[in-house]
Amino acid sequence: MLGQRWELPAGNYTALSIELDPPNLSRGWTLKSVGKTGKLKNFQIHSGRDVSFDVGPPLEVKTNTSGNKERVLIGFNLTGRAGEMYAAHPRKNRKKPLGPPIKIIAESGKVLVADRFKYG
């Protein structure tokens, strides 16, 4: 939670996952980390000291493509401020939303594909 404080014993820690559901994201959208937790992978808490991490937005988006002439996959990675990586399938009110529409149009103007992106 944003601004949340916890008292933990001194020691070494690892964040296994991060879920973003802060009020500054669009209403109801949630992102969950997928393995890479960046600076939170290994961190240390010392007795009597505060430790804080800036995670989440602004997110860096990197696209990637793969496939062949029959099928092309267009993907992306979302990386937060602490180097944490989020799943490329956000949730809206805890459900997978419909992907945005896509049209592939030939030079002649003929619509080759009219579909929606699919998450995950």
PDB file of N, CA and C in Angstrom:
ATOM      1  N   MET A   1       0.833  -1.188   0.000  1.00  0.00           N
ATOM      2  CA  MET A   1       0.000   0.000   0.000  1.00  0.00           C
ATOM      3  C   MET A   1       0.866   1.235   0.000  1.00  0.00           C
ATOM      4  N   LEU A   2       0.383   2.244  -0.650  1.00  0.00           N
ATOM      5  CA  LEU A   2       1.112   3.487  -0.768  1.00  0.00           C
ATOM      6  C   LEU A   2       1.325   4.108   0.612  1.00  0.00           C
ATOM      7  N   GLY A   3       2.583   4.362   0.956  1.00  0.00           N
ATOM      8  CA  GLY A   3       2.894   4.997   2.225  1.00  0.00           C
ATOM      9  C   GLY A   3       2.743   4.087   3.434  1.00  0.00           C
ATOM     10  N   GLN A   4       2.500   2.824   3.233  1.00  0.00           N
ATOM     11  CA  GLN A   4       2.314   1.873   4.327  1.00  0.00           C
ATOM     12  C   GLN A   4       3.641   1.615   5.030  1.00  0.00           C
ATOM     13  N   ARG A   5       3.599   1.491   6.356  1.00  0.00           N
ATOM     14  CA  ARG A   5       4.798   1.194   7.135  1.00  0.00           C
ATOM     15  C   ARG A   5       4.609  -0.134   7.862  1.00  0.00           C
ATOM     16  N   TRP A   6       5.663  -0.939   7.861  1.00  0.00           N
ATOM     17  CA  TRP A   6       5.664  -2.187   8.613  1.00  0.00           C
ATOM     18  C   TRP A   6       6.922  -2.238   9.450  1.00  0.00           C
ATOM     19  N   GLU A   7       6.827  -2.798  10.628  1.00  0.00           N
ATOM     20  CA  GLU A   7       8.011  -3.019  11.441  1.00  0.00           C
ATOM     21  C   GLU A   7       8.408  -4.476  11.278  1.00  0.00           C
ATOM     22  N   LEU A   8       9.614  -4.678  10.779  1.00  0.00           N
ATOM     23  CA  LEU A   8      10.122  -6.024  10.548  1.00  0.00           C
ATOM     24  C   LEU A   8      11.431  -6.205  11.300  1.00  0.00           C
ATOM     25  N   PRO A   9      11.736  -7.423  11.701  1.00  0.00           N
ATOM     26  CA  PRO A   9      13.018  -7.644  12.365  1.00  0.00           C
ATOM     27  C   PRO A   9      14.181  -7.430  11.396  1.00  0.00           C
ATOM     28  N   ALA A  10      15.317  -7.053  11.941  1.00  0.00           N
ATOM     29  CA  ALA A  10      16.510  -6.880  11.115  1.00  0.00           C
ATOM     30  C   ALA A  10      16.824  -8.195  10.417  1.00  0.00           C
ATOM     31  N   GLY A  11      17.306  -8.089   9.173  1.00  0.00           N
ATOM     32  CA  GLY A  11      17.666  -9.293   8.438  1.00  0.00           C
ATOM     33  C   GLY A  11      17.658  -9.068   6.946  1.00  0.00           C
ATOM     34  N   ASN A  12      17.876 -10.137   6.211  1.00  0.00           N
ATOM     35  CA  ASN A  12      17.868 -10.096   4.752  1.00  0.00           C
ATOM     36  C   ASN A  12      16.494 -10.523   4.252  1.00  0.00           C
ATOM     37  N   TYR A  13      16.000  -9.813   3.236  1.00  0.00           N
ATOM     38  CA  TYR A  13      14.663 -10.068   2.714  1.00  0.00           C
ATOM     39  C   TYR A  13      14.672 -10.160   1.193  1.00  0.00           C
ATOM     40  N   THR A  14      13.651 -10.829   0.669  1.00  0.00           N
ATOM     41  CA  THR A  14      13.419 -10.933  -0.769  1.00  0.00           C
ATOM     42  C   THR A  14      11.937 -10.743  -1.019  1.00  0.00           C
ATOM     43  N   ALA A  15      11.584  -9.824  -1.938  1.00  0.00           N
ATOM     44  CA  ALA A  15      10.187  -9.675  -2.346  1.00  0.00           C
ATOM     45  C   ALA A  15       9.928 -10.699  -3.439  1.00  0.00           C
ATOM     46  N   LEU A  16       8.945 -11.542  -3.248  1.00  0.00           N
ATOM     47  CA  LEU A  16       8.624 -12.570  -4.233  1.00  0.00           C
ATOM     48  C   LEU A  16       7.699 -12.040  -5.316  1.00  0.00           C
ATOM     49  N   SER A  17       6.847 -11.095  -4.981  1.00  0.00           N
ATOM     50  CA  SER A  17       5.970 -10.484  -5.971  1.00  0.00           C
ATOM     51  C   SER A  17       5.537  -9.107  -5.475  1.00  0.00           C
ATOM     52  N   ILE A  18       5.081  -8.309  -6.410  1.00  0.00           N
ATOM     53  CA  ILE A  18       4.591  -6.959  -6.109  1.00  0.00           C
ATOM     54  C   ILE A  18       3.277  -6.792  -6.850  1.00  0.00           C
ATOM     55  N   GLU A  19       2.268  -6.278  -6.171  1.00  0.00           N
ATOM     56  CA  GLU A  19       1.002  -5.994  -6.830  1.00  0.00           C
ATOM     57  C   GLU A  19       0.710  -4.509  -6.693  1.00  0.00           C
ATOM     58  N   LEU A  20       0.508  -3.861  -7.831  1.00  0.00           N
ATOM     59  CA  LEU A  20       0.212  -2.434  -7.850  1.00  0.00           C
ATOM     60  C   LEU A  20      -1.282  -2.224  -7.984  1.00  0.00           C
ATOM     61  N   ASP A  21      -1.820  -1.509  -7.048  1.00  0.00           N
ATOM     62  CA  ASP A  21      -3.230  -1.148  -7.083  1.00  0.00           C
ATOM     63  C   ASP A  21      -3.374   0.237  -6.457  1.00  0.00           C
ATOM     64  N   PRO A  22      -2.439   1.153  -6.776  1.00  0.00           N
ATOM     65  CA  PRO A  22      -2.463   2.458  -6.116  1.00  0.00           C
ATOM     66  C   PRO A  22      -3.533   3.375  -6.696  1.00  0.00           C
ATOM     67  N   PRO A  23      -3.950   4.361  -5.921  1.00  0.00           N
ATOM     68  CA  PRO A  23      -4.993   5.272  -6.388  1.00  0.00           C
ATOM     69  C   PRO A  23      -4.570   6.110  -7.597  1.00  0.00           C
ATOM     70  N   ASN A  24      -3.262   6.264  -7.849  1.00  0.00           N
ATOM     71  CA  ASN A  24      -2.843   7.087  -8.988  1.00  0.00           C
ATOM     72  C   ASN A  24      -2.892   6.327 -10.315  1.00  0.00           C
ATOM     73  N   LEU A  25      -3.149   5.006 -10.301  1.00  0.00           N
ATOM     74  CA  LEU A  25      -3.408   4.284 -11.539  1.00  0.00           C
ATOM     75  C   LEU A  25      -4.880   4.493 -11.883  1.00  0.00           C
ATOM     76  N   SER A  26      -5.223   4.342 -13.153  1.00  0.00           N
ATOM     77  CA  SER A  26      -6.615   4.495 -13.555  1.00  0.00           C
ATOM     78  C   SER A  26      -7.503   3.603 -12.696  1.00  0.00           C
ATOM     79  N   ARG A  27      -8.701   4.062 -12.426  1.00  0.00           N
ATOM     80  CA  ARG A  27      -9.608   3.363 -11.516  1.00  0.00           C
ATOM     81  C   ARG A  27      -9.728   1.868 -11.813  1.00  0.00           C
ATOM     82  N   GLY A  28      -9.423   1.055 -10.798  1.00  0.00           N
ATOM     83  CA  GLY A  28      -9.648  -0.374 -10.882  1.00  0.00           C
ATOM     84  C   GLY A  28      -8.561  -1.186 -11.560  1.00  0.00           C
ATOM     85  N   TRP A  29      -7.540  -0.554 -12.132  1.00  0.00           N
ATOM     86  CA  TRP A  29      -6.493  -1.305 -12.831  1.00  0.00           C
ATOM     87  C   TRP A  29      -5.483  -1.832 -11.828  1.00  0.00           C
ATOM     88  N   THR A  30      -5.036  -3.077 -12.027  1.00  0.00           N
ATOM     89  CA  THR A  30      -4.043  -3.717 -11.165  1.00  0.00           C
ATOM     90  C   THR A  30      -2.970  -4.356 -12.025  1.00  0.00           C
ATOM     91  N   LEU A  31      -1.726  -4.222 -11.590  1.00  0.00           N
ATOM     92  CA  LEU A  31      -0.601  -4.893 -12.246  1.00  0.00           C
ATOM     93  C   LEU A  31       0.093  -5.768 -11.212  1.00  0.00           C
ATOM     94  N   LYS A  32       0.547  -6.944 -11.643  1.00  0.00           N
ATOM     95  CA  LYS A  32       1.246  -7.847 -10.743  1.00  0.00           C
ATOM     96  C   LYS A  32       2.612  -8.177 -11.323  1.00  0.00           C
ATOM     97  N   SER A  33       3.624  -8.212 -10.464  1.00  0.00           N
ATOM     98  CA  SER A  33       4.975  -8.514 -10.938  1.00  0.00           C
ATOM     99  C   SER A  33       5.065  -9.975 -11.370  1.00  0.00           C
ATOM    100  N   VAL A  34       6.060 -10.228 -12.232  1.00  0.00           N
ATOM    101  CA  VAL A  34       6.232 -11.581 -12.768  1.00  0.00           C
ATOM    102  C   VAL A  34       7.665 -12.058 -12.559  1.00  0.00           C
ATOM    103  N   GLY A  35       8.009 -12.322 -11.324  1.00  0.00           N
ATOM    104  CA  GLY A  35       9.321 -12.898 -11.053  1.00  0.00           C
ATOM    105  C   GLY A  35      10.408 -11.903 -10.736  1.00  0.00           C
ATOM    106  N   LYS A  36      10.649 -10.938 -11.626  1.00  0.00           N
ATOM    107  CA  LYS A  36      11.724  -9.982 -11.388  1.00  0.00           C
ATOM    108  C   LYS A  36      11.215  -8.842 -10.508  1.00  0.00           C
ATOM    109  N   THR A  37      11.777  -8.738  -9.309  1.00  0.00           N
ATOM    110  CA  THR A  37      11.341  -7.688  -8.388  1.00  0.00           C
ATOM    111  C   THR A  37      12.394  -6.587  -8.232  1.00  0.00           C
ATOM    112  N   GLY A  38      13.353  -6.535  -9.156  1.00  0.00           N
ATOM    113  CA  GLY A  38      14.327  -5.438  -9.187  1.00  0.00           C
ATOM    114  C   GLY A  38      15.096  -5.281  -7.894  1.00  0.00           C
ATOM    115  N   LYS A  39      15.136  -4.058  -7.379  1.00  0.00           N
ATOM    116  CA  LYS A  39      15.890  -3.757  -6.155  1.00  0.00           C
ATOM    117  C   LYS A  39      15.328  -4.466  -4.930  1.00  0.00           C
ATOM    118  N   LEU A  40      14.120  -4.991  -5.042  1.00  0.00           N
ATOM    119  CA  LEU A  40      13.526  -5.697  -3.916  1.00  0.00           C
ATOM    120  C   LEU A  40      13.855  -7.190  -3.919  1.00  0.00           C
ATOM    121  N   LYS A  41      14.674  -7.617  -4.877  1.00  0.00           N
ATOM    122  CA  LYS A  41      15.056  -9.030  -4.946  1.00  0.00           C
ATOM    123  C   LYS A  41      15.823  -9.429  -3.694  1.00  0.00           C
ATOM    124  N   ASN A  42      16.812  -8.643  -3.336  1.00  0.00           N
ATOM    125  CA  ASN A  42      17.591  -8.870  -2.120  1.00  0.00           C
ATOM    126  C   ASN A  42      17.812  -7.528  -1.445  1.00  0.00           C
ATOM    127  N   PHE A  43      17.288  -7.383  -0.247  1.00  0.00           N
ATOM    128  CA  PHE A  43      17.537  -6.147   0.498  1.00  0.00           C
ATOM    129  C   PHE A  43      17.674  -6.476   1.978  1.00  0.00           C
ATOM    130  N   GLN A  44      18.251  -5.533   2.678  1.00  0.00           N
ATOM    131  CA  GLN A  44      18.569  -5.758   4.081  1.00  0.00           C
ATOM    132  C   GLN A  44      17.875  -4.700   4.939  1.00  0.00           C
ATOM    133  N   ILE A  45      17.378  -5.144   6.070  1.00  0.00           N
ATOM    134  CA  ILE A  45      16.802  -4.228   7.049  1.00  0.00           C
ATOM    135  C   ILE A  45      17.721  -4.230   8.264  1.00  0.00           C
ATOM    136  N   HIS A  46      18.138  -3.033   8.651  1.00  0.00           N
ATOM    137  CA  HIS A  46      18.989  -2.865   9.828  1.00  0.00           C
ATOM    138  C   HIS A  46      18.130  -2.378  10.983  1.00  0.00           C
ATOM    139  N   SER A  47      18.434  -2.807  12.176  1.00  0.00           N
ATOM    140  CA  SER A  47      17.692  -2.420  13.364  1.00  0.00           C
ATOM    141  C   SER A  47      17.696  -0.893  13.534  1.00  0.00           C
ATOM    142  N   GLY A  48      16.523  -0.311  13.752  1.00  0.00           N
ATOM    143  CA  GLY A  48      16.406   1.121  14.003  1.00  0.00           C
ATOM    144  C   GLY A  48      16.481   2.002  12.769  1.00  0.00           C
ATOM    145  N   ARG A  49      16.535   1.443  11.578  1.00  0.00           N
ATOM    146  CA  ARG A  49      16.617   2.232  10.332  1.00  0.00           C
ATOM    147  C   ARG A  49      15.380   1.987   9.478  1.00  0.00           C
ATOM    148  N   ASP A  50      14.992   3.033   8.752  1.00  0.00           N
ATOM    149  CA  ASP A  50      13.901   2.905   7.785  1.00  0.00           C
ATOM    150  C   ASP A  50      14.453   2.499   6.434  1.00  0.00           C
ATOM    151  N   VAL A  51      13.700   1.694   5.713  1.00  0.00           N
ATOM    152  CA  VAL A  51      14.034   1.302   4.345  1.00  0.00           C
ATOM    153  C   VAL A  51      12.791   1.583   3.512  1.00  0.00           C
ATOM    154  N   SER A  52      12.970   2.222   2.362  1.00  0.00           N
ATOM    155  CA  SER A  52      11.828   2.455   1.482  1.00  0.00           C
ATOM    156  C   SER A  52      12.248   2.228   0.038  1.00  0.00           C
ATOM    157  N   PHE A  53      11.250   1.936  -0.787  1.00  0.00           N
ATOM    158  CA  PHE A  53      11.486   1.676  -2.201  1.00  0.00           C
ATOM    159  C   PHE A  53      10.439   2.416  -3.016  1.00  0.00           C
ATOM    160  N   ASP A  54      10.877   3.028  -4.102  1.00  0.00           N
ATOM    161  CA  ASP A  54       9.953   3.611  -5.062  1.00  0.00           C
ATOM    162  C   ASP A  54       9.698   2.564  -6.131  1.00  0.00           C
ATOM    163  N   VAL A  55       8.475   2.080  -6.206  1.00  0.00           N
ATOM    164  CA  VAL A  55       8.100   1.090  -7.207  1.00  0.00           C
ATOM    165  C   VAL A  55       6.963   1.641  -8.052  1.00  0.00           C
ATOM    166  N   GLY A  56       6.703   0.974  -9.160  1.00  0.00           N
ATOM    167  CA  GLY A  56       5.560   1.345  -9.981  1.00  0.00           C
ATOM    168  C   GLY A  56       5.802   2.504 -10.915  1.00  0.00           C
ATOM    169  N   PRO A  57       4.733   3.258 -11.233  1.00  0.00           N
ATOM    170  CA  PRO A  57       4.806   4.334 -12.230  1.00  0.00           C
ATOM    171  C   PRO A  57       5.844   5.392 -11.873  1.00  0.00           C
ATOM    172  N   PRO A  58       6.409   6.003 -12.902  1.00  0.00           N
ATOM    173  CA  PRO A  58       6.136   5.774 -14.318  1.00  0.00           C
ATOM    174  C   PRO A  58       6.744   4.450 -14.776  1.00  0.00           C
ATOM    175  N   LEU A  59       5.996   3.738 -15.615  1.00  0.00           N
ATOM    176  CA  LEU A  59       6.443   2.450 -16.120  1.00  0.00           C
ATOM    177  C   LEU A  59       7.123   2.616 -17.465  1.00  0.00           C
ATOM    178  N   GLU A  60       8.187   1.850 -17.666  1.00  0.00           N
ATOM    179  CA  GLU A  60       8.866   1.828 -18.961  1.00  0.00           C
ATOM    180  C   GLU A  60       8.296   0.661 -19.765  1.00  0.00           C
ATOM    181  N   VAL A  61       7.918   0.936 -21.000  1.00  0.00           N
ATOM    182  CA  VAL A  61       7.333  -0.084 -21.868  1.00  0.00           C
ATOM    183  C   VAL A  61       8.322  -0.411 -22.980  1.00  0.00           C
ATOM    184  N   LYS A  62       8.648  -1.686 -23.117  1.00  0.00           N
ATOM    185  CA  LYS A  62       9.508  -2.145 -24.208  1.00  0.00           C
ATOM    186  C   LYS A  62       8.751  -3.200 -24.984  1.00  0.00           C
ATOM    187  N   THR A  63       8.635  -2.994 -26.294  1.00  0.00           N
ATOM    188  CA  THR A  63       7.918  -3.956 -27.121  1.00  0.00           C
ATOM    189  C   THR A  63       8.876  -5.006 -27.671  1.00  0.00           C
ATOM    190  N   ASN A  64       8.309  -6.146 -28.037  1.00  0.00           N
ATOM    191  CA  ASN A  64       9.076  -7.201 -28.682  1.00  0.00           C
ATOM    192  C   ASN A  64       8.144  -7.928 -29.648  1.00  0.00           C
ATOM    193  N   THR A  65       8.709  -8.468 -30.691  1.00  0.00           N
ATOM    194  CA  THR A  65       7.916  -9.198 -31.679  1.00  0.00           C
ATOM    195  C   THR A  65       8.581 -10.532 -31.986  1.00  0.00           C
ATOM    196  N   SER A  66       7.769 -11.474 -32.404  1.00  0.00           N
ATOM    197  CA  SER A  66       8.284 -12.763 -32.854  1.00  0.00           C
ATOM    198  C   SER A  66       7.240 -13.370 -33.784  1.00  0.00           C
ATOM    199  N   GLY A  67       7.624 -14.396 -34.487  1.00  0.00           N
ATOM    200  CA  GLY A  67       6.670 -15.072 -35.351  1.00  0.00           C
ATOM    201  C   GLY A  67       7.234 -15.355 -36.721  1.00  0.00           C
ATOM    202  N   ASN A  68       6.325 -15.619 -37.650  1.00  0.00           N
ATOM    203  CA  ASN A  68       6.691 -15.911 -39.029  1.00  0.00           C
ATOM    204  C   ASN A  68       5.698 -15.207 -39.945  1.00  0.00           C
ATOM    205  N   LYS A  69       5.712 -15.528 -41.243  1.00  0.00           N
ATOM    206  CA  LYS A  69       4.841 -14.793 -42.162  1.00  0.00           C
ATOM    207  C   LYS A  69       3.365 -15.147 -41.982  1.00  0.00           C
ATOM    208  N   GLU A  70       3.074 -16.231 -41.266  1.00  0.00           N
ATOM    209  CA  GLU A  70       1.683 -16.618 -41.015  1.00  0.00           C
ATOM    210  C   GLU A  70       1.111 -15.978 -39.755  1.00  0.00           C
ATOM    211  N   ARG A  71       1.991 -15.745 -38.767  1.00  0.00           N
ATOM    212  CA  ARG A  71       1.509 -15.257 -37.471  1.00  0.00           C
ATOM    213  C   ARG A  71       2.587 -14.421 -36.809  1.00  0.00           C
ATOM    214  N   VAL A  72       2.215 -13.262 -36.325  1.00  0.00           N
ATOM    215  CA  VAL A  72       3.156 -12.377 -35.640  1.00  0.00           C
ATOM    216  C   VAL A  72       2.648 -12.129 -34.225  1.00  0.00           C
ATOM    217  N   LEU A  73       3.528 -12.274 -33.263  1.00  0.00           N
ATOM    218  CA  LEU A  73       3.202 -11.972 -31.872  1.00  0.00           C
ATOM    219  C   LEU A  73       3.858 -10.647 -31.509  1.00  0.00           C
ATOM    220  N   ILE A  74       3.080  -9.736 -30.969  1.00  0.00           N
ATOM    221  CA  ILE A  74       3.592  -8.445 -30.516  1.00  0.00           C
ATOM    222  C   ILE A  74       3.408  -8.419 -29.007  1.00  0.00           C
ATOM    223  N   GLY A  75       4.506  -8.327 -28.300  1.00  0.00           N
ATOM    224  CA  GLY A  75       4.442  -8.320 -26.846  1.00  0.00           C
ATOM    225  C   GLY A  75       5.103  -7.088 -26.274  1.00  0.00           C
ATOM    226  N   PHE A  76       5.032  -6.973 -24.967  1.00  0.00           N
ATOM    227  CA  PHE A  76       5.697  -5.852 -24.308  1.00  0.00           C
ATOM    228  C   PHE A  76       6.037  -6.227 -22.879  1.00  0.00           C
ATOM    229  N   ASN A  77       7.026  -5.542 -22.346  1.00  0.00           N
ATOM    230  CA  ASN A  77       7.423  -5.678 -20.946  1.00  0.00           C
ATOM    231  C   ASN A  77       7.158  -4.350 -20.259  1.00  0.00           C
ATOM    232  N   LEU A  78       6.696  -4.400 -19.034  1.00  0.00           N
ATOM    233  CA  LEU A  78       6.480  -3.212 -18.214  1.00  0.00           C
ATOM    234  C   LEU A  78       7.456  -3.258 -17.047  1.00  0.00           C
ATOM    235  N   THR A  79       8.276  -2.224 -16.912  1.00  0.00           N
ATOM    236  CA  THR A  79       9.260  -2.183 -15.836  1.00  0.00           C
ATOM    237  C   THR A  79       9.031  -0.940 -14.981  1.00  0.00           C
ATOM    238  N   GLY A  80       9.001  -1.132 -13.662  1.00  0.00           N
ATOM    239  CA  GLY A  80       8.779  -0.036 -12.724  1.00  0.00           C
ATOM    240  C   GLY A  80      10.072   0.626 -12.285  1.00  0.00           C
ATOM    241  N   ARG A  81       9.941   1.619 -11.401  1.00  0.00           N
ATOM    242  CA  ARG A  81      11.076   2.448 -10.971  1.00  0.00           C
ATOM    243  C   ARG A  81      12.171   1.688 -10.234  1.00  0.00           C
ATOM    244  N   ALA A  82      11.835   0.576  -9.598  1.00  0.00           N
ATOM    245  CA  ALA A  82      12.855  -0.188  -8.866  1.00  0.00           C
ATOM    246  C   ALA A  82      13.404  -1.329  -9.712  1.00  0.00           C
ATOM    247  N   GLY A  83      13.059  -1.344 -11.010  1.00  0.00           N
ATOM    248  CA  GLY A  83      13.524  -2.412 -11.885  1.00  0.00           C
ATOM    249  C   GLY A  83      12.635  -3.641 -11.834  1.00  0.00           C
ATOM    250  N   GLU A  84      11.499  -3.537 -11.158  1.00  0.00           N
ATOM    251  CA  GLU A  84      10.569  -4.661 -11.069  1.00  0.00           C
ATOM    252  C   GLU A  84       9.801  -4.810 -12.383  1.00  0.00           C
ATOM    253  N   MET A  85       9.540  -6.046 -12.778  1.00  0.00           N
ATOM    254  CA  MET A  85       8.867  -6.302 -14.048  1.00  0.00           C
ATOM    255  C   MET A  85       7.444  -6.775 -13.785  1.00  0.00           C
ATOM    256  N   TYR A  86       6.504  -6.196 -14.528  1.00  0.00           N
ATOM    257  CA  TYR A  86       5.087  -6.527 -14.366  1.00  0.00           C
ATOM    258  C   TYR A  86       4.577  -7.336 -15.541  1.00  0.00           C
ATOM    259  N   ALA A  87       3.575  -8.155 -15.258  1.00  0.00           N
ATOM    260  CA  ALA A  87       2.938  -8.962 -16.294  1.00  0.00           C
ATOM    261  C   ALA A  87       2.325  -8.045 -17.340  1.00  0.00           C
ATOM    262  N   ALA A  88       2.385  -8.474 -18.591  1.00  0.00           N
ATOM    263  CA  ALA A  88       1.853  -7.670 -19.692  1.00  0.00           C
ATOM    264  C   ALA A  88       0.348  -7.863 -19.861  1.00  0.00           C
ATOM    265  N   HIS A  89      -0.302  -8.364 -18.840  1.00  0.00           N
ATOM    266  CA  HIS A  89      -1.759  -8.496 -18.890  1.00  0.00           C
ATOM    267  C   HIS A  89      -2.345  -7.875 -17.620  1.00  0.00           C
ATOM    268  N   PRO A  90      -2.690  -6.589 -17.721  1.00  0.00           N
ATOM    269  CA  PRO A  90      -3.268  -5.903 -16.569  1.00  0.00           C
ATOM    270  C   PRO A  90      -4.659  -6.449 -16.245  1.00  0.00           C
ATOM    271  N   ARG A  91      -5.143  -6.122 -15.074  1.00  0.00           N
ATOM    272  CA  ARG A  91      -6.494  -6.506 -14.647  1.00  0.00           C
ATOM    273  C   ARG A  91      -7.305  -5.237 -14.402  1.00  0.00           C
ATOM    274  N   LYS A  92      -8.564  -5.281 -14.756  1.00  0.00           N
ATOM    275  CA  LYS A  92      -9.486  -4.173 -14.482  1.00  0.00           C
ATOM    276  C   LYS A  92     -10.558  -4.735 -13.573  1.00  0.00           C
ATOM    277  N   ASN A  93     -10.653  -4.201 -12.353  1.00  0.00           N
ATOM    278  CA  ASN A  93     -11.581  -4.727 -11.351  1.00  0.00           C
ATOM    279  C   ASN A  93     -11.403  -6.236 -11.173  1.00  0.00           C
ATOM    280  N   ARG A  94     -10.126  -6.652 -11.148  1.00  0.00           N
ATOM    281  CA  ARG A  94      -9.697  -8.040 -10.916  1.00  0.00           C
ATOM    282  C   ARG A  94      -9.997  -8.990 -12.075  1.00  0.00           C
ATOM    283  N   LYS A  95     -10.444  -8.484 -13.225  1.00  0.00           N
ATOM    284  CA  LYS A  95     -10.735  -9.324 -14.384  1.00  0.00           C
ATOM    285  C   LYS A  95      -9.866  -8.899 -15.556  1.00  0.00           C
ATOM    286  N   LYS A  96      -9.556  -9.867 -16.436  1.00  0.00           N
ATOM    287  CA  LYS A  96      -8.825  -9.555 -17.660  1.00  0.00           C
ATOM    288  C   LYS A  96      -9.732  -8.777 -18.600  1.00  0.00           C
ATOM    289  N   PRO A  97      -9.332  -7.579 -19.019  1.00  0.00           N
ATOM    290  CA  PRO A  97     -10.175  -6.819 -19.940  1.00  0.00           C
ATOM    291  C   PRO A  97     -10.002  -7.308 -21.376  1.00  0.00           C
ATOM    292  N   LEU A  98     -10.926  -6.885 -22.240  1.00  0.00           N
ATOM    293  CA  LEU A  98     -10.737  -7.142 -23.663  1.00  0.00           C
ATOM    294  C   LEU A  98      -9.522  -6.369 -24.131  1.00  0.00           C
ATOM    295  N   GLY A  99      -8.768  -6.946 -25.028  1.00  0.00           N
ATOM    296  CA  GLY A  99      -7.618  -6.240 -25.585  1.00  0.00           C
ATOM    297  C   GLY A  99      -8.078  -5.144 -26.534  1.00  0.00           C
ATOM    298  N   PRO A 100      -7.222  -4.185 -26.810  1.00  0.00           N
ATOM    299  CA  PRO A 100      -7.597  -3.121 -27.742  1.00  0.00           C
ATOM    300  C   PRO A 100      -7.757  -3.678 -29.161  1.00  0.00           C
ATOM    301  N   PRO A 101      -8.591  -3.037 -29.972  1.00  0.00           N
ATOM    302  CA  PRO A 101      -8.796  -3.524 -31.344  1.00  0.00           C
ATOM    303  C   PRO A 101      -7.553  -3.280 -32.209  1.00  0.00           C
ATOM    304  N   ILE A 102      -7.422  -4.120 -33.238  1.00  0.00           N
ATOM    305  CA  ILE A 102      -6.315  -3.977 -34.191  1.00  0.00           C
ATOM    306  C   ILE A 102      -6.845  -4.288 -35.584  1.00  0.00           C
ATOM    307  N   LYS A 103      -6.374  -3.516 -36.545  1.00  0.00           N
ATOM    308  CA  LYS A 103      -6.669  -3.793 -37.950  1.00  0.00           C
ATOM    309  C   LYS A 103      -5.358  -3.775 -38.700  1.00  0.00           C
ATOM    310  N   ILE A 104      -5.188  -4.755 -39.570  1.00  0.00           N
ATOM    311  CA  ILE A 104      -4.025  -4.780 -40.459  1.00  0.00           C
ATOM    312  C   ILE A 104      -4.579  -4.579 -41.860  1.00  0.00           C
ATOM    313  N   ILE A 105      -4.101  -3.510 -42.504  1.00  0.00           N
ATOM    314  CA  ILE A 105      -4.642  -3.103 -43.796  1.00  0.00           C
ATOM    315  C   ILE A 105      -3.539  -3.154 -44.849  1.00  0.00           C
ATOM    316  N   ALA A 106      -3.836  -3.800 -45.977  1.00  0.00           N
ATOM    317  CA  ALA A 106      -2.881  -3.893 -47.091  1.00  0.00           C
ATOM    318  C   ALA A 106      -2.763  -2.531 -47.769  1.00  0.00           C
ATOM    319  N   GLU A 107      -1.696  -2.352 -48.539  1.00  0.00           N
ATOM    320  CA  GLU A 107      -1.500  -1.105 -49.280  1.00  0.00           C
ATOM    321  C   GLU A 107      -2.711  -0.771 -50.152  1.00  0.00           C
ATOM    322  N   SER A 108      -3.378  -1.784 -50.636  1.00  0.00           N
ATOM    323  CA  SER A 108      -4.551  -1.579 -51.497  1.00  0.00           C
ATOM    324  C   SER A 108      -5.755  -1.057 -50.726  1.00  0.00           C
ATOM    325  N   GLY A 109      -5.682  -1.091 -49.383  1.00  0.00           N
ATOM    326  CA  GLY A 109      -6.801  -0.652 -48.558  1.00  0.00           C
ATOM    327  C   GLY A 109      -7.651  -1.808 -48.047  1.00  0.00           C
ATOM    328  N   LYS A 110      -7.382  -3.009 -48.516  1.00  0.00           N
ATOM    329  CA  LYS A 110      -8.132  -4.184 -48.078  1.00  0.00           C
ATOM    330  C   LYS A 110      -7.769  -4.518 -46.625  1.00  0.00           C
ATOM    331  N   VAL A 111      -8.780  -4.754 -45.799  1.00  0.00           N
ATOM    332  CA  VAL A 111      -8.548  -5.147 -44.408  1.00  0.00           C
ATOM    333  C   VAL A 111      -8.173  -6.619 -44.381  1.00  0.00           C
ATOM    334  N   LEU A 112      -6.953  -6.904 -43.954  1.00  0.00           N
ATOM    335  CA  LEU A 112      -6.458  -8.275 -43.895  1.00  0.00           C
ATOM    336  C   LEU A 112      -6.870  -8.960 -42.590  1.00  0.00           C
ATOM    337  N   VAL A 113      -6.839  -8.204 -41.499  1.00  0.00           N
ATOM    338  CA  VAL A 113      -7.187  -8.731 -40.190  1.00  0.00           C
ATOM    339  C   VAL A 113      -7.924  -7.650 -39.416  1.00  0.00           C
ATOM    340  N   ALA A 114      -9.020  -8.006 -38.797  1.00  0.00           N
ATOM    341  CA  ALA A 114      -9.733  -7.138 -37.860  1.00  0.00           C
ATOM    342  C   ALA A 114     -10.013  -7.991 -36.631  1.00  0.00           C
ATOM    343  N   ASP A 115      -9.326  -7.690 -35.545  1.00  0.00           N
ATOM    344  CA  ASP A 115      -9.403  -8.538 -34.350  1.00  0.00           C
ATOM    345  C   ASP A 115      -9.113  -7.683 -33.129  1.00  0.00           C
ATOM    346  N   ARG A 116      -8.820  -8.314 -32.026  1.00  0.00           N
ATOM    347  CA  ARG A 116      -8.402  -7.631 -30.808  1.00  0.00           C
ATOM    348  C   ARG A 116      -7.084  -8.237 -30.323  1.00  0.00           C
ATOM    349  N   PHE A 117      -6.256  -7.395 -29.706  1.00  0.00           N
ATOM    350  CA  PHE A 117      -5.083  -7.925 -29.022  1.00  0.00           C
ATOM    351  C   PHE A 117      -5.565  -8.815 -27.896  1.00  0.00           C
ATOM    352  N   LYS A 118      -4.766  -9.800 -27.535  1.00  0.00           N
ATOM    353  CA  LYS A 118      -5.098 -10.675 -26.425  1.00  0.00           C
ATOM    354  C   LYS A 118      -3.982 -10.584 -25.396  1.00  0.00           C
ATOM    355  N   TYR A 119      -4.351 -10.448 -24.134  1.00  0.00           N
ATOM    356  CA  TYR A 119      -3.372 -10.366 -23.057  1.00  0.00           C
ATOM    357  C   TYR A 119      -2.956 -11.750 -22.623  1.00  0.00           C
ATOM    358  N   GLY A 120      -1.624 -11.902 -22.399  1.00  0.00           N
ATOM    359  CA  GLY A 120      -1.102 -13.154 -21.860  1.00  0.00           C
ATOM    360  C   GLY A 120      -1.051 -14.175 -22.884  1.00  0.00           C
TER     361      GLY A 120
END
